[in-house]
Amino acid sequence: MLTLYGKATSINVRKALWLGAVLDLPLHHEPAPSSALLATLNPNRQVPVLRDGDFVLWESNSICRYLATRAGREDLLPAAAQARARVEQWMDWQASDLNSAWRHVFMARVRQHPDYPDDARAEASLAQWNRLMAMLDAQLARHAYVAGADFTLADIVLGLSTQRWRSTPGGKPVLANVDAWFERLRRQPGFAAHVDNGVA
């Protein structure tokens, strides 16, 4: 049995849940693992964690790669080296550059965390986030999907990031290519449940 641990309000858990819907995969979802169980599964004590029998995996993008490969879905994660690298490039960009950009403004304005005041640092964070989203918009001016002509894992991870960007309060540029792509993503199974569900 495949078990996914972590609450569905987590953007990283939702990556795996949405992919599970795209794959029509029977994922047993445990939204609230005990702290003791989580500590045994992941030394970082963070979610998501995937368990496939005796195999345990953490890191959301690695979980997505594993599930797509396990299902033999080369449309989502190509076997050819260059095509695969293109998908993984954008997945890694999402996990590094994009995540770093949004942290302060998201924590200030959505989570309203006391360690992240809504001040000039939040505006600087939003400005950097907007700049990176404009990079995505430029990529989508040339391609229907993030890594090319077809829907891949890059669209799953960046689709969720885009939903978070759209949901976070603050001034944002009009990005017509991002908007059109986001509408195309609505055709994918699981989009309504795991992306467009009001959770940032």
C-alpha atoms as a PDB file:
ATOM      1  CA  MET A   1       0.000   0.000   0.000  1.00  0.00           C
ATOM      2  CA  LEU A   2       1.136   3.514  -0.801  1.00  0.00           C
ATOM      3  CA  THR A   3       0.716   5.847   2.162  1.00  0.00           C
ATOM      4  CA  LEU A   4       1.218   9.591   2.046  1.00  0.00           C
ATOM      5  CA  TYR A   5       1.676  11.438   5.327  1.00  0.00           C
ATOM      6  CA  GLY A   6       0.930  15.132   5.798  1.00  0.00           C
ATOM      7  CA  LYS A   7      -2.009  17.512   5.941  1.00  0.00           C
ATOM      8  CA  ALA A   8      -3.559  18.589   2.662  1.00  0.00           C
ATOM      9  CA  THR A   9      -3.126  22.276   3.503  1.00  0.00           C
ATOM     10  CA  SER A  10       0.612  21.794   2.832  1.00  0.00           C
ATOM     11  CA  ILE A  11       1.561  22.829  -0.699  1.00  0.00           C
ATOM     12  CA  ASN A  12       4.157  20.040  -0.804  1.00  0.00           C
ATOM     13  CA  VAL A  13       1.667  17.377   0.251  1.00  0.00           C
ATOM     14  CA  ARG A  14      -0.732  18.658  -2.400  1.00  0.00           C
ATOM     15  CA  LYS A  15       1.896  18.066  -5.100  1.00  0.00           C
ATOM     16  CA  ALA A  16       1.757  14.338  -4.355  1.00  0.00           C
ATOM     17  CA  LEU A  17      -2.025  14.300  -3.925  1.00  0.00           C
ATOM     18  CA  TRP A  18      -2.565  16.015  -7.274  1.00  0.00           C
ATOM     19  CA  LEU A  19      -0.114  13.697  -8.981  1.00  0.00           C
ATOM     20  CA  GLY A  20      -1.899  10.745  -7.412  1.00  0.00           C
ATOM     21  CA  ALA A  21      -5.131  11.947  -9.025  1.00  0.00           C
ATOM     22  CA  VAL A  22      -3.403  12.395 -12.413  1.00  0.00           C
ATOM     23  CA  LEU A  23      -2.020   8.855 -12.135  1.00  0.00           C
ATOM     24  CA  ASP A  24      -5.327   7.462 -10.823  1.00  0.00           C
ATOM     25  CA  LEU A  25      -3.222   6.020  -8.033  1.00  0.00           C
ATOM     26  CA  PRO A  26      -4.762   4.626  -4.835  1.00  0.00           C
ATOM     27  CA  LEU A  27      -2.909   6.707  -2.245  1.00  0.00           C
ATOM     28  CA  HIS A  28      -3.797   6.155   1.388  1.00  0.00           C
ATOM     29  CA  HIS A  29      -3.596   9.631   2.897  1.00  0.00           C
ATOM     30  CA  GLU A  30      -2.692  10.047   6.583  1.00  0.00           C
ATOM     31  CA  PRO A  31      -3.072  13.783   7.213  1.00  0.00           C
ATOM     32  CA  ALA A  32      -1.921  13.829  10.841  1.00  0.00           C
ATOM     33  CA  PRO A  33       0.936  11.419  11.606  1.00  0.00           C
ATOM     34  CA  SER A  34       2.085  11.476  15.200  1.00  0.00           C
ATOM     35  CA  SER A  35       5.288  13.351  15.936  1.00  0.00           C
ATOM     36  CA  ALA A  36       6.891  10.077  17.030  1.00  0.00           C
ATOM     37  CA  LEU A  37       5.988   8.349  13.764  1.00  0.00           C
ATOM     38  CA  LEU A  38       7.118  11.322  11.713  1.00  0.00           C
ATOM     39  CA  ALA A  39      10.481  11.334  13.496  1.00  0.00           C
ATOM     40  CA  THR A  40      11.034   7.693  12.553  1.00  0.00           C
ATOM     41  CA  LEU A  41      10.086   8.296   8.917  1.00  0.00           C
ATOM     42  CA  ASN A  42      11.926  11.542   8.232  1.00  0.00           C
ATOM     43  CA  PRO A  43      14.915  12.881  10.193  1.00  0.00           C
ATOM     44  CA  ASN A  44      13.764  16.396   9.211  1.00  0.00           C
ATOM     45  CA  ARG A  45      10.376  15.741  10.856  1.00  0.00           C
ATOM     46  CA  GLN A  46       8.605  17.338   7.930  1.00  0.00           C
ATOM     47  CA  VAL A  47       5.914  16.277   5.478  1.00  0.00           C
ATOM     48  CA  PRO A  48       5.227  14.931   2.980  1.00  0.00           C
ATOM     49  CA  VAL A  49       6.529  11.442   3.528  1.00  0.00           C
ATOM     50  CA  LEU A  50       5.652   8.553   1.240  1.00  0.00           C
ATOM     51  CA  ARG A  51       5.757   4.921   2.325  1.00  0.00           C
ATOM     52  CA  ASP A  52       5.638   2.184  -0.296  1.00  0.00           C
ATOM     53  CA  GLY A  53       5.893  -1.041   1.675  1.00  0.00           C
ATOM     54  CA  ASP A  54       9.273  -0.921   3.392  1.00  0.00           C
ATOM     55  CA  PHE A  55      10.470   1.957   1.218  1.00  0.00           C
ATOM     56  CA  VAL A  56      10.206   5.433   2.756  1.00  0.00           C
ATOM     57  CA  LEU A  57      10.810   8.646   0.820  1.00  0.00           C
ATOM     58  CA  TRP A  58      10.691  12.322   1.741  1.00  0.00           C
ATOM     59  CA  GLU A  59      11.118  15.588  -0.228  1.00  0.00           C
ATOM     60  CA  SER A  60       8.047  16.445  -2.289  1.00  0.00           C
ATOM     61  CA  ASN A  61       9.672  16.714  -5.700  1.00  0.00           C
ATOM     62  CA  SER A  62      11.509  13.414  -5.165  1.00  0.00           C
ATOM     63  CA  ILE A  63       8.189  11.822  -4.230  1.00  0.00           C
ATOM     64  CA  CYS A  64       6.670  13.129  -7.471  1.00  0.00           C
ATOM     65  CA  ARG A  65       9.578  11.762  -9.517  1.00  0.00           C
ATOM     66  CA  TYR A  66       9.295   8.391  -7.803  1.00  0.00           C
ATOM     67  CA  LEU A  67       5.538   8.072  -8.319  1.00  0.00           C
ATOM     68  CA  ALA A  68       5.737   9.023 -11.992  1.00  0.00           C
ATOM     69  CA  THR A  69       8.624   6.598 -12.597  1.00  0.00           C
ATOM     70  CA  ARG A  70       6.908   3.838 -10.609  1.00  0.00           C
ATOM     71  CA  ALA A  71       3.833   4.266 -12.828  1.00  0.00           C
ATOM     72  CA  GLY A  72       5.917   4.228 -16.010  1.00  0.00           C
ATOM     73  CA  ARG A  73       4.637   7.690 -16.965  1.00  0.00           C
ATOM     74  CA  GLU A  74       7.356   8.964 -19.276  1.00  0.00           C
ATOM     75  CA  ASP A  75       4.955  11.645 -20.480  1.00  0.00           C
ATOM     76  CA  LEU A  76       5.234  13.212 -17.018  1.00  0.00           C
ATOM     77  CA  LEU A  77       8.959  12.508 -16.497  1.00  0.00           C
ATOM     78  CA  PRO A  78      10.704  11.582 -19.749  1.00  0.00           C
ATOM     79  CA  ALA A  79      13.348   8.869 -19.956  1.00  0.00           C
ATOM     80  CA  ALA A  80      15.401  10.735 -22.573  1.00  0.00           C
ATOM     81  CA  ALA A  81      18.188  12.623 -20.817  1.00  0.00           C
ATOM     82  CA  GLN A  82      17.635  16.107 -22.217  1.00  0.00           C
ATOM     83  CA  ALA A  83      13.841  16.037 -22.003  1.00  0.00           C
ATOM     84  CA  ARG A  84      14.028  14.757 -18.425  1.00  0.00           C
ATOM     85  CA  ALA A  85      16.595  17.399 -17.481  1.00  0.00           C
ATOM     86  CA  ARG A  86      14.299  20.125 -18.797  1.00  0.00           C
ATOM     87  CA  VAL A  87      11.462  18.941 -16.553  1.00  0.00           C
ATOM     88  CA  GLU A  88      13.749  18.572 -13.549  1.00  0.00           C
ATOM     89  CA  GLN A  89      15.320  21.986 -14.139  1.00  0.00           C
ATOM     90  CA  TRP A  90      11.968  23.684 -13.613  1.00  0.00           C
ATOM     91  CA  MET A  91      11.111  21.450 -10.655  1.00  0.00           C
ATOM     92  CA  ASP A  92      14.396  22.385  -8.978  1.00  0.00           C
ATOM     93  CA  TRP A  93      13.803  26.070  -9.772  1.00  0.00           C
ATOM     94  CA  GLN A  94      10.451  25.820  -8.017  1.00  0.00           C
ATOM     95  CA  ALA A  95      12.000  24.231  -4.940  1.00  0.00           C
ATOM     96  CA  SER A  96      14.913  26.664  -4.705  1.00  0.00           C
ATOM     97  CA  ASP A  97      14.551  30.099  -6.303  1.00  0.00           C
ATOM     98  CA  LEU A  98      10.768  30.389  -6.222  1.00  0.00           C
ATOM     99  CA  ASN A  99      10.338  29.029  -2.698  1.00  0.00           C
ATOM    100  CA  SER A 100      13.026  31.361  -1.377  1.00  0.00           C
ATOM    101  CA  ALA A 101      11.385  34.377  -3.004  1.00  0.00           C
ATOM    102  CA  TRP A 102       7.919  33.944  -1.546  1.00  0.00           C
ATOM    103  CA  ARG A 103       8.792  32.941   2.005  1.00  0.00           C
ATOM    104  CA  HIS A 104       8.583  36.298   3.770  1.00  0.00           C
ATOM    105  CA  VAL A 105       5.500  37.747   2.066  1.00  0.00           C
ATOM    106  CA  PHE A 106       3.592  34.477   2.255  1.00  0.00           C
ATOM    107  CA  MET A 107       4.353  33.983   5.941  1.00  0.00           C
ATOM    108  CA  ALA A 108       3.473  37.626   6.661  1.00  0.00           C
ATOM    109  CA  ARG A 109       0.251  37.984   4.680  1.00  0.00           C
ATOM    110  CA  VAL A 110      -1.218  34.491   4.524  1.00  0.00           C
ATOM    111  CA  ARG A 111       0.108  32.695   7.596  1.00  0.00           C
ATOM    112  CA  GLN A 112       0.394  35.990   9.545  1.00  0.00           C
ATOM    113  CA  HIS A 113       3.360  34.573  11.428  1.00  0.00           C
ATOM    114  CA  PRO A 114       4.758  36.951  14.076  1.00  0.00           C
ATOM    115  CA  ASP A 115       8.336  36.283  12.974  1.00  0.00           C
ATOM    116  CA  TYR A 116       7.525  37.662   9.499  1.00  0.00           C
ATOM    117  CA  PRO A 117       6.215  41.233   9.804  1.00  0.00           C
ATOM    118  CA  ASP A 118       4.306  42.760   6.913  1.00  0.00           C
ATOM    119  CA  ASP A 119       6.862  45.456   6.229  1.00  0.00           C
ATOM    120  CA  ALA A 120       9.397  46.461   3.593  1.00  0.00           C
ATOM    121  CA  ARG A 121      10.849  42.960   3.640  1.00  0.00           C
ATOM    122  CA  ALA A 122       7.462  41.531   2.680  1.00  0.00           C
ATOM    123  CA  GLU A 123       7.223  43.971  -0.232  1.00  0.00           C
ATOM    124  CA  ALA A 124      10.750  43.061  -1.338  1.00  0.00           C
ATOM    125  CA  SER A 125       9.808  39.386  -1.151  1.00  0.00           C
ATOM    126  CA  LEU A 126       6.734  39.992  -3.299  1.00  0.00           C
ATOM    127  CA  ALA A 127       8.759  41.990  -5.814  1.00  0.00           C
ATOM    128  CA  GLN A 128      11.215  39.114  -6.188  1.00  0.00           C
ATOM    129  CA  TRP A 129       8.371  36.629  -6.473  1.00  0.00           C
ATOM    130  CA  ASN A 130       6.750  38.759  -9.188  1.00  0.00           C
ATOM    131  CA  ARG A 131      10.063  38.924 -11.068  1.00  0.00           C
ATOM    132  CA  LEU A 132      10.381  35.147 -11.071  1.00  0.00           C
ATOM    133  CA  MET A 133       6.769  34.662 -12.107  1.00  0.00           C
ATOM    134  CA  ALA A 134       7.496  36.953 -15.056  1.00  0.00           C
ATOM    135  CA  MET A 135      10.297  34.545 -15.994  1.00  0.00           C
ATOM    136  CA  LEU A 136       7.754  31.735 -15.974  1.00  0.00           C
ATOM    137  CA  ASP A 137       5.440  33.864 -18.102  1.00  0.00           C
ATOM    138  CA  ALA A 138       8.226  34.324 -20.667  1.00  0.00           C
ATOM    139  CA  GLN A 139       8.753  30.561 -20.792  1.00  0.00           C
ATOM    140  CA  LEU A 140       5.029  30.022 -21.314  1.00  0.00           C
ATOM    141  CA  ALA A 141       5.012  32.531 -24.164  1.00  0.00           C
ATOM    142  CA  ARG A 142       7.049  29.955 -26.107  1.00  0.00           C
ATOM    143  CA  HIS A 143       5.463  26.709 -24.901  1.00  0.00           C
ATOM    144  CA  ALA A 144       2.011  25.430 -23.964  1.00  0.00           C
ATOM    145  CA  TYR A 145       3.414  23.871 -20.799  1.00  0.00           C
ATOM    146  CA  VAL A 146       6.413  24.648 -18.625  1.00  0.00           C
ATOM    147  CA  ALA A 147       8.852  22.133 -20.107  1.00  0.00           C
ATOM    148  CA  GLY A 148       7.484  22.135 -23.657  1.00  0.00           C
ATOM    149  CA  ALA A 149       4.409  21.032 -25.566  1.00  0.00           C
ATOM    150  CA  ASP A 150       3.137  18.511 -23.009  1.00  0.00           C
ATOM    151  CA  PHE A 151       1.964  18.447 -19.391  1.00  0.00           C
ATOM    152  CA  THR A 152       4.702  17.149 -17.046  1.00  0.00           C
ATOM    153  CA  LEU A 153       5.719  17.096 -13.397  1.00  0.00           C
ATOM    154  CA  ALA A 154       7.042  20.640 -13.864  1.00  0.00           C
ATOM    155  CA  ASP A 155       3.460  21.809 -14.381  1.00  0.00           C
ATOM    156  CA  ILE A 156       2.297  20.054 -11.222  1.00  0.00           C
ATOM    157  CA  VAL A 157       4.816  21.684  -8.908  1.00  0.00           C
ATOM    158  CA  LEU A 158       4.613  25.094 -10.596  1.00  0.00           C
ATOM    159  CA  GLY A 159       0.841  24.970 -10.903  1.00  0.00           C
ATOM    160  CA  LEU A 160       0.602  24.801  -7.127  1.00  0.00           C
ATOM    161  CA  SER A 161       3.174  27.575  -6.751  1.00  0.00           C
ATOM    162  CA  THR A 162       1.145  29.728  -9.134  1.00  0.00           C
ATOM    163  CA  GLN A 163      -2.031  29.135  -7.172  1.00  0.00           C
ATOM    164  CA  ARG A 164      -0.176  30.312  -4.059  1.00  0.00           C
ATOM    165  CA  TRP A 165       1.064  33.417  -5.890  1.00  0.00           C
ATOM    166  CA  ARG A 166      -2.434  34.250  -7.101  1.00  0.00           C
ATOM    167  CA  SER A 167      -3.856  33.788  -3.583  1.00  0.00           C
ATOM    168  CA  THR A 168      -1.309  35.874  -1.665  1.00  0.00           C
ATOM    169  CA  PRO A 169      -2.389  39.501  -1.134  1.00  0.00           C
ATOM    170  CA  GLY A 170      -0.341  42.222  -2.814  1.00  0.00           C
ATOM    171  CA  GLY A 171       0.267  43.953  -6.106  1.00  0.00           C
ATOM    172  CA  LYS A 172       1.010  41.644  -9.016  1.00  0.00           C
ATOM    173  CA  PRO A 173       1.605  42.162 -12.723  1.00  0.00           C
ATOM    174  CA  VAL A 174      -0.779  40.812 -15.327  1.00  0.00           C
ATOM    175  CA  LEU A 175       0.873  37.682 -16.734  1.00  0.00           C
ATOM    176  CA  ALA A 176      -1.310  36.618 -19.643  1.00  0.00           C
ATOM    177  CA  ASN A 177       0.688  33.507 -20.518  1.00  0.00           C
ATOM    178  CA  VAL A 178       0.636  32.269 -16.933  1.00  0.00           C
ATOM    179  CA  ASP A 179      -3.121  32.888 -16.794  1.00  0.00           C
ATOM    180  CA  ALA A 180      -3.758  30.955 -20.022  1.00  0.00           C
ATOM    181  CA  TRP A 181      -1.568  28.058 -18.875  1.00  0.00           C
ATOM    182  CA  PHE A 182      -3.311  27.955 -15.491  1.00  0.00           C
ATOM    183  CA  GLU A 183      -6.617  27.596 -17.309  1.00  0.00           C
ATOM    184  CA  ARG A 184      -5.170  24.665 -19.302  1.00  0.00           C
ATOM    185  CA  LEU A 185      -4.160  23.007 -16.042  1.00  0.00           C
ATOM    186  CA  ARG A 186      -7.821  22.908 -14.995  1.00  0.00           C
ATOM    187  CA  ARG A 187      -8.332  20.059 -17.498  1.00  0.00           C
ATOM    188  CA  GLN A 188      -6.120  17.757 -15.449  1.00  0.00           C
ATOM    189  CA  PRO A 189      -7.661  15.243 -13.023  1.00  0.00           C
ATOM    190  CA  GLY A 190      -7.506  16.393  -9.424  1.00  0.00           C
ATOM    191  CA  PHE A 191      -7.028  20.095 -10.189  1.00  0.00           C
ATOM    192  CA  ALA A 192     -10.228  21.236  -8.479  1.00  0.00           C
ATOM    193  CA  ALA A 193      -9.583  19.112  -5.382  1.00  0.00           C
ATOM    194  CA  HIS A 194      -5.906  19.767  -4.874  1.00  0.00           C
ATOM    195  CA  VAL A 195      -5.052  23.080  -6.577  1.00  0.00           C
ATOM    196  CA  ASP A 196      -8.054  25.355  -7.037  1.00  0.00           C
ATOM    197  CA  ASN A 197      -9.463  24.660  -3.595  1.00  0.00           C
ATOM    198  CA  GLY A 198      -8.904  27.955  -1.801  1.00  0.00           C
ATOM    199  CA  VAL A 199      -5.837  26.718   0.094  1.00  0.00           C
ATOM    200  CA  ALA A 200      -2.690  28.768  -0.432  1.00  0.00           C
END
